[in-house]
């Protein structure tokens, strides 16, 4: 699963996004990522509602499992629903928009995102209302369904872009909460027991194995880096890393795990200058021996304004180029 040391994917000077963008126009979003990002990605536009957020987009990818929206969120149902079909339709529309925007030339690399099995299990409900995470047998079935659905999704995208290298990113913001029994029950009066660490690893592997190039993204404090390194690369927020994370991060980098580093706020804020971003990366380099790094915003940009999202996207690209120039001096 680990990418080879000489991979071109996560070399110095590259930048990408985490996944989500503001707005509701998939064509405009596709033009932004194809025009401004060295490693473009399929944009997510949760501003269109539940059917287009991370949970809805990922639920639309499940094979042989059906979902609909209840007041409490997405729920597994015994039969297809309008909500499930709406989520599938929006995903298909986003792919069409990306294909249309890329008519002048397909990207060399394209990143696709979906919720990982543990985050999805933490937000989906079983038919009777309990969190899916409460039933570890159901989590097993969910991981298998997600893996099968993602394999079909990757095949569809590869058909549209036959000469493009595809990367699969699993978003796992709930993973630390799952591991430390911090996910609340459906009632909110308790928390769900933590699964065995080996079970967590096995469910991740079920999904990761469907793609050659994989990333796990976690924007929570103290991400489980050792576990995330099951993928070929990890994606974390630089502002949330501290000395307690250094050993695990150093080991992962020694094993040639790729690093996608969040260096800009995901919400509207004063945008760090290129020099400030280079300094942030330099501090981490001094602590853990960082070499190649791909720059990203700290998390998805759906909560930002469109002007900020565009500026942050451009700033990541500019800072990545500045890092290369600094290394060549």
Protein backbone atom coordinates (compact mmCIF):
# COMPACT_ATOMS: atom_id res chain seq x y z
CA UNK A 1 0.00 0.00 0.00
CA UNK A 2 2.88 2.40 0.72
CA UNK A 3 3.93 4.53 -2.24
CA UNK A 4 7.44 4.00 -3.64
CA UNK A 5 10.11 6.48 -2.48
CA UNK A 6 10.49 8.03 -5.92
CA UNK A 7 6.79 8.64 -6.43
CA UNK A 8 5.96 11.84 -8.28
CA UNK A 9 2.75 12.34 -6.31
CA UNK A 10 3.93 14.01 -3.11
CA UNK A 11 7.15 15.62 -4.23
CA UNK A 12 8.23 19.07 -3.10
CA UNK A 13 6.47 21.92 -4.85
CA UNK A 14 3.03 20.32 -5.01
CA UNK A 15 -0.22 21.53 -3.51
CA UNK A 16 -3.80 20.34 -3.42
CA UNK A 17 -7.02 20.82 -1.48
CA UNK A 18 -8.71 18.72 1.15
CA UNK A 19 -11.99 18.40 -0.74
CA UNK A 20 -14.82 20.83 -0.10
CA UNK A 21 -15.35 24.30 -1.54
CA UNK A 22 -17.99 27.00 -1.04
CA UNK A 23 -20.74 27.65 -3.55
CA UNK A 24 -23.15 25.50 -5.52
CA UNK A 25 -21.78 25.55 -9.07
CA UNK A 26 -19.81 22.38 -9.86
CA UNK A 27 -18.48 23.78 -13.16
CA UNK A 28 -17.00 26.84 -11.45
CA UNK A 29 -15.48 24.65 -8.73
CA UNK A 30 -13.99 22.27 -11.30
CA UNK A 31 -12.41 25.17 -13.20
CA UNK A 32 -10.83 26.43 -9.98
CA UNK A 33 -9.19 23.14 -9.03
CA UNK A 34 -8.06 22.36 -12.57
CA UNK A 35 -6.66 25.85 -13.10
CA UNK A 36 -5.06 26.62 -9.74
CA UNK A 37 -4.07 23.36 -8.07
CA UNK A 38 -0.99 21.30 -9.05
CA UNK A 39 -2.82 18.15 -7.87
CA UNK A 40 -6.51 18.77 -8.68
CA UNK A 41 -9.34 16.97 -6.93
CA UNK A 42 -13.04 16.32 -7.35
CA UNK A 43 -14.65 19.22 -5.46
CA UNK A 44 -17.36 18.67 -2.87
CA UNK A 45 -20.00 21.40 -2.58
CA UNK A 46 -21.93 20.86 0.68
CA UNK A 47 -23.55 24.27 0.26
CA UNK A 48 -26.14 22.41 -1.85
CA UNK A 49 -27.38 20.62 1.27
CA UNK A 50 -27.16 17.28 3.03
CA UNK A 51 -27.12 15.35 -0.22
CA UNK A 52 -23.77 16.92 -1.15
CA UNK A 53 -21.96 16.95 2.19
CA UNK A 54 -19.30 14.42 3.18
CA UNK A 55 -21.79 11.96 4.67
CA UNK A 56 -24.24 12.25 1.78
CA UNK A 57 -21.55 12.04 -0.90
CA UNK A 58 -20.04 8.97 0.75
CA UNK A 59 -23.39 7.28 1.41
CA UNK A 60 -24.12 7.66 -2.30
CA UNK A 61 -21.10 5.47 -3.01
CA UNK A 62 -22.24 2.51 -0.90
CA UNK A 63 -22.88 -0.69 -2.82
CA UNK A 64 -26.08 -2.62 -1.96
CA UNK A 65 -26.83 -0.40 1.05
CA UNK A 66 -29.57 2.22 0.89
CA UNK A 67 -29.90 5.46 2.85
CA UNK A 68 -32.32 8.30 3.41
CA UNK A 69 -32.34 11.50 5.46
CA UNK A 70 -34.09 11.61 8.83
CA UNK A 71 -34.27 14.63 11.17
CA UNK A 72 -31.23 13.24 12.98
CA UNK A 73 -29.20 12.65 9.81
CA UNK A 74 -28.48 9.90 7.30
CA UNK A 75 -29.94 6.47 8.08
CA UNK A 76 -29.65 3.01 6.54
CA UNK A 77 -32.95 1.90 5.00
CA UNK A 78 -34.15 -1.40 3.55
CA UNK A 79 -34.93 0.06 0.13
CA UNK A 80 -33.83 2.89 -2.19
CA UNK A 81 -34.99 6.42 -1.37
CA UNK A 82 -35.29 9.79 -3.05
CA UNK A 83 -32.60 11.15 -0.75
CA UNK A 84 -30.17 8.42 -1.75
CA UNK A 85 -30.90 8.99 -5.42
CA UNK A 86 -30.47 12.75 -5.01
CA UNK A 87 -27.00 12.20 -3.52
CA UNK A 88 -26.06 9.91 -6.42
CA UNK A 89 -27.33 12.44 -8.95
CA UNK A 90 -25.26 15.25 -7.45
CA UNK A 91 -22.13 13.10 -7.52
CA UNK A 92 -22.74 12.23 -11.17
CA UNK A 93 -23.29 15.92 -11.96
CA UNK A 94 -19.99 16.82 -10.27
CA UNK A 95 -18.14 14.23 -12.34
CA UNK A 96 -19.74 15.52 -15.52
CA UNK A 97 -18.70 19.07 -14.61
CA UNK A 98 -15.11 18.02 -13.97
CA UNK A 99 -14.96 16.13 -17.24
CA UNK A 100 -16.39 19.11 -19.11
CA UNK A 101 -13.94 21.54 -17.46
CA UNK A 102 -11.00 19.26 -18.37
CA UNK A 103 -11.86 19.11 -22.07
CA UNK A 104 -8.61 20.89 -22.99
CA UNK A 105 -6.52 18.23 -21.28
CA UNK A 106 -6.94 15.67 -18.53
CA UNK A 107 -4.95 16.19 -15.32
CA UNK A 108 -1.88 14.08 -14.68
CA UNK A 109 -3.15 13.27 -11.18
CA UNK A 110 -6.65 13.52 -9.73
CA UNK A 111 -7.64 13.08 -6.09
CA UNK A 112 -11.04 11.71 -5.06
CA UNK A 113 -12.42 11.96 -1.52
CA UNK A 114 -14.88 9.96 0.59
CA UNK A 115 -15.52 9.48 4.27
CA UNK A 116 -13.55 6.59 5.69
CA UNK A 117 -15.41 3.62 7.17
CA UNK A 118 -15.05 4.73 10.80
CA UNK A 119 -16.19 8.31 10.28
CA UNK A 120 -19.07 7.09 8.16
CA UNK A 121 -20.01 4.57 10.86
CA UNK A 122 -19.96 7.38 13.42
CA UNK A 123 -22.49 9.50 11.49
CA UNK A 124 -24.79 6.95 9.85
CA UNK A 125 -27.70 5.44 11.78
CA UNK A 126 -29.05 1.94 11.63
CA UNK A 127 -32.66 1.43 10.55
CA UNK A 128 -33.98 1.69 14.12
CA UNK A 129 -32.00 4.83 14.93
CA UNK A 130 -28.87 3.65 16.79
CA UNK A 131 -25.48 4.77 15.50
CA UNK A 132 -24.08 2.25 13.05
CA UNK A 133 -20.85 2.34 15.05
CA UNK A 134 -22.68 0.62 17.91
CA UNK A 135 -22.86 -2.62 15.89
CA UNK A 136 -19.41 -3.80 14.92
CA UNK A 137 -20.85 -6.42 12.60
CA UNK A 138 -22.64 -3.61 10.76
CA UNK A 139 -19.34 -1.73 10.53
CA UNK A 140 -17.81 -4.79 8.84
CA UNK A 141 -20.62 -4.76 6.26
CA UNK A 142 -20.33 -1.00 5.83
CA UNK A 143 -16.59 -1.20 5.09
CA UNK A 144 -17.19 -3.93 2.52
CA UNK A 145 -19.98 -1.91 0.90
CA UNK A 146 -17.89 1.27 0.86
CA UNK A 147 -14.92 -0.54 -0.63
CA UNK A 148 -17.04 -2.10 -3.38
CA UNK A 149 -18.72 1.22 -4.15
CA UNK A 150 -15.44 3.09 -4.27
CA UNK A 151 -13.98 0.50 -6.63
CA UNK A 152 -16.88 1.20 -9.01
CA UNK A 153 -16.43 4.95 -8.53
CA UNK A 154 -12.72 4.76 -9.32
CA UNK A 155 -13.45 2.67 -12.42
CA UNK A 156 -15.97 5.27 -13.63
CA UNK A 157 -13.52 8.13 -13.11
CA UNK A 158 -10.70 6.16 -14.78
CA UNK A 159 -12.95 5.58 -17.77
CA UNK A 160 -13.48 9.35 -18.03
CA UNK A 161 -9.77 10.10 -17.52
CA UNK A 162 -7.92 7.03 -18.84
CA UNK A 163 -4.43 8.54 -18.68
CA UNK A 164 -4.80 10.12 -15.22
CA UNK A 165 -3.32 8.68 -12.01
CA UNK A 166 -6.08 8.49 -9.41
CA UNK A 167 -5.59 9.03 -5.69
CA UNK A 168 -8.21 8.00 -3.11
CA UNK A 169 -8.43 10.10 0.05
CA UNK A 170 -10.38 8.75 3.02
CA UNK A 171 -11.58 11.51 5.34
CA UNK A 172 -11.46 10.26 8.92
CA UNK A 173 -12.04 13.27 11.23
CA UNK A 174 -13.91 11.01 13.69
CA UNK A 175 -11.12 8.44 13.93
CA UNK A 176 -9.57 9.76 17.19
CA UNK A 177 -13.02 9.86 18.77
CA UNK A 178 -13.72 6.30 17.67
CA UNK A 179 -10.41 5.06 19.09
CA UNK A 180 -10.96 6.81 22.45
CA UNK A 181 -14.67 5.97 22.91
CA UNK A 182 -15.74 9.61 22.48
CA UNK A 183 -18.49 9.16 19.88
CA UNK A 184 -21.87 9.90 21.51
CA UNK A 185 -24.74 7.45 21.34
CA UNK A 186 -27.87 8.41 19.38
CA UNK A 187 -29.48 9.65 22.63
CA UNK A 188 -26.44 11.75 23.50
CA UNK A 189 -26.40 10.44 27.07
CA UNK A 190 -23.46 8.09 26.62
CA UNK A 191 -20.58 7.21 24.33
CA UNK A 192 -19.95 4.16 22.20
CA UNK A 193 -17.27 1.70 23.21
CA UNK A 194 -14.06 1.78 21.26
CA UNK A 195 -13.40 -1.04 18.80
CA UNK A 196 -10.28 -3.14 19.07
CA UNK A 197 -7.34 -1.34 17.35
CA UNK A 198 -6.75 -4.33 15.08
CA UNK A 199 -10.38 -4.20 13.98
CA UNK A 200 -9.97 -0.51 13.19
CA UNK A 201 -6.93 -1.33 11.07
CA UNK A 202 -8.68 -4.17 9.24
CA UNK A 203 -11.71 -2.08 8.30
CA UNK A 204 -9.45 0.64 6.94
CA UNK A 205 -7.53 -1.93 4.92
CA UNK A 206 -10.79 -3.23 3.43
CA UNK A 207 -11.35 0.16 1.85
CA UNK A 208 -7.76 1.20 1.16
CA UNK A 209 -7.04 -1.90 -0.90
CA UNK A 210 -9.36 -0.78 -3.71
CA UNK A 211 -6.90 1.91 -4.84
CA UNK A 212 -3.19 1.94 -5.64
CA UNK A 213 -2.54 5.44 -4.26
CA UNK A 214 -4.27 6.36 -1.00
CA UNK A 215 -4.34 9.12 1.62
CA UNK A 216 -6.00 9.29 5.03
CA UNK A 217 -7.00 12.79 6.13
CA UNK A 218 -7.68 13.68 9.76
CA UNK A 219 -7.99 17.30 10.87
CA UNK A 220 -8.48 16.49 14.57
CA UNK A 221 -5.85 17.18 17.25
CA UNK A 222 -3.34 14.37 17.78
CA UNK A 223 -4.32 12.32 14.74
CA UNK A 224 -3.46 8.61 14.95
CA UNK A 225 -0.52 8.94 12.60
CA UNK A 226 0.76 5.38 12.98
CA UNK A 227 -2.65 4.02 12.00
CA UNK A 228 -3.11 6.56 9.21
CA UNK A 229 0.19 5.47 7.71
CA UNK A 230 -1.65 2.33 6.55
CA UNK A 231 -2.25 4.53 3.52
CA UNK A 232 0.53 5.72 1.26
CA UNK A 233 0.16 9.25 2.61
CA UNK A 234 -1.33 11.14 5.53
CA UNK A 235 -3.05 14.53 5.55
CA UNK A 236 -2.96 16.58 8.77
CA UNK A 237 -3.31 20.16 10.05
CA UNK A 238 0.10 21.66 10.90
CA UNK A 239 -1.47 23.95 13.51
CA UNK A 240 -2.75 20.95 15.50
CA UNK A 241 0.55 19.07 15.61
CA UNK A 242 2.78 19.39 18.66
CA UNK A 243 5.74 17.62 20.23
CA UNK A 244 3.54 14.66 21.22
CA UNK A 245 3.02 13.89 17.53
CA UNK A 246 6.67 14.23 16.50
CA UNK A 247 7.83 10.66 17.11
CA UNK A 248 4.99 9.05 15.17
CA UNK A 249 5.31 11.58 12.35
CA UNK A 250 9.06 11.11 12.18
CA UNK A 251 8.71 7.34 11.92
CA UNK A 252 6.08 7.68 9.19
CA UNK A 253 8.31 10.00 7.18
CA UNK A 254 11.28 7.67 7.56
CA UNK A 255 9.10 4.96 6.03
CA UNK A 256 8.53 7.30 3.05
CA UNK A 257 4.90 7.95 3.88
CA UNK A 258 3.71 10.95 1.89
CA UNK A 259 2.70 14.07 3.83
CA UNK A 260 -0.07 16.48 2.92
CA UNK A 261 0.26 19.37 5.36
CA UNK A 262 -2.52 21.85 6.14
CA UNK A 263 -0.90 25.28 6.39
CA UNK A 264 -3.74 27.77 5.89
CA UNK A 265 -6.93 28.39 7.90
CA UNK A 266 -9.98 26.69 6.41
CA UNK A 267 -12.29 29.59 7.37
CA UNK A 268 -11.99 33.26 6.44
CA UNK A 269 -9.02 34.71 8.32
CA UNK A 270 -5.98 36.82 7.57
CA UNK A 271 -4.17 34.74 4.98
CA UNK A 272 -0.59 33.86 5.98
CA UNK A 273 2.01 35.18 3.59
CA UNK A 274 4.16 32.87 1.49
CA UNK A 275 7.07 33.55 3.85
CA UNK A 276 4.96 32.66 6.89
CA UNK A 277 3.94 29.36 5.30
CA UNK A 278 7.55 28.56 4.44
CA UNK A 279 8.51 29.31 8.05
CA UNK A 280 5.77 26.98 9.35
CA UNK A 281 7.05 24.15 7.18
CA UNK A 282 10.63 24.91 8.21
CA UNK A 283 9.80 24.58 11.89
CA UNK A 284 8.25 21.18 11.31
CA UNK A 285 11.23 20.18 9.19
CA UNK A 286 13.56 21.02 12.07
CA UNK A 287 11.50 18.88 14.46
CA UNK A 288 10.91 15.73 12.41
CA UNK A 289 13.31 15.81 9.46
CA UNK A 290 10.65 16.73 6.93
CA UNK A 291 11.70 16.60 3.27
CA UNK A 292 9.03 16.54 0.57
CA UNK A 293 5.62 17.91 1.48
CA UNK A 294 2.40 18.73 -0.36
CA UNK A 295 0.64 21.84 0.94
CA UNK A 296 -3.10 22.10 1.57
CA UNK A 297 -5.51 24.24 3.57
CA UNK A 298 -6.04 22.94 7.10
CA UNK A 299 -9.35 21.35 6.13
CA UNK A 300 -12.13 21.68 3.59
CA UNK A 301 -13.03 25.23 2.52
CA UNK A 302 -16.82 24.87 2.41
CA UNK A 303 -17.27 27.31 5.33
CA UNK A 304 -15.18 30.04 3.70
CA UNK A 305 -16.22 32.69 1.21
CA UNK A 306 -15.51 32.01 -2.43
CA UNK A 307 -12.95 34.83 -2.56
CA UNK A 308 -11.07 33.39 0.41
CA UNK A 309 -11.22 29.86 -0.99
CA UNK A 310 -9.70 31.02 -4.25
CA UNK A 311 -7.02 33.07 -2.48
CA UNK A 312 -6.13 30.18 -0.16
CA UNK A 313 -5.89 27.79 -3.09
CA UNK A 314 -3.53 30.14 -4.90
CA UNK A 315 -1.47 30.76 -1.77
CA UNK A 316 -0.87 27.03 -1.29
CA UNK A 317 0.46 26.79 -4.82
CA UNK A 318 2.68 29.87 -4.38
CA UNK A 319 4.08 28.64 -1.06
CA UNK A 320 4.81 25.20 -2.50
CA UNK A 321 6.81 26.82 -5.31
CA UNK A 322 8.66 29.00 -2.77
CA UNK A 323 9.69 25.90 -0.80
CA UNK A 324 11.32 24.48 -3.90
CA UNK A 325 13.14 27.74 -4.59
CA UNK A 326 14.41 27.82 -0.99
CA UNK A 327 15.74 24.26 -1.21
CA UNK A 328 17.60 25.08 -4.43
CA UNK A 329 19.51 27.98 -2.92
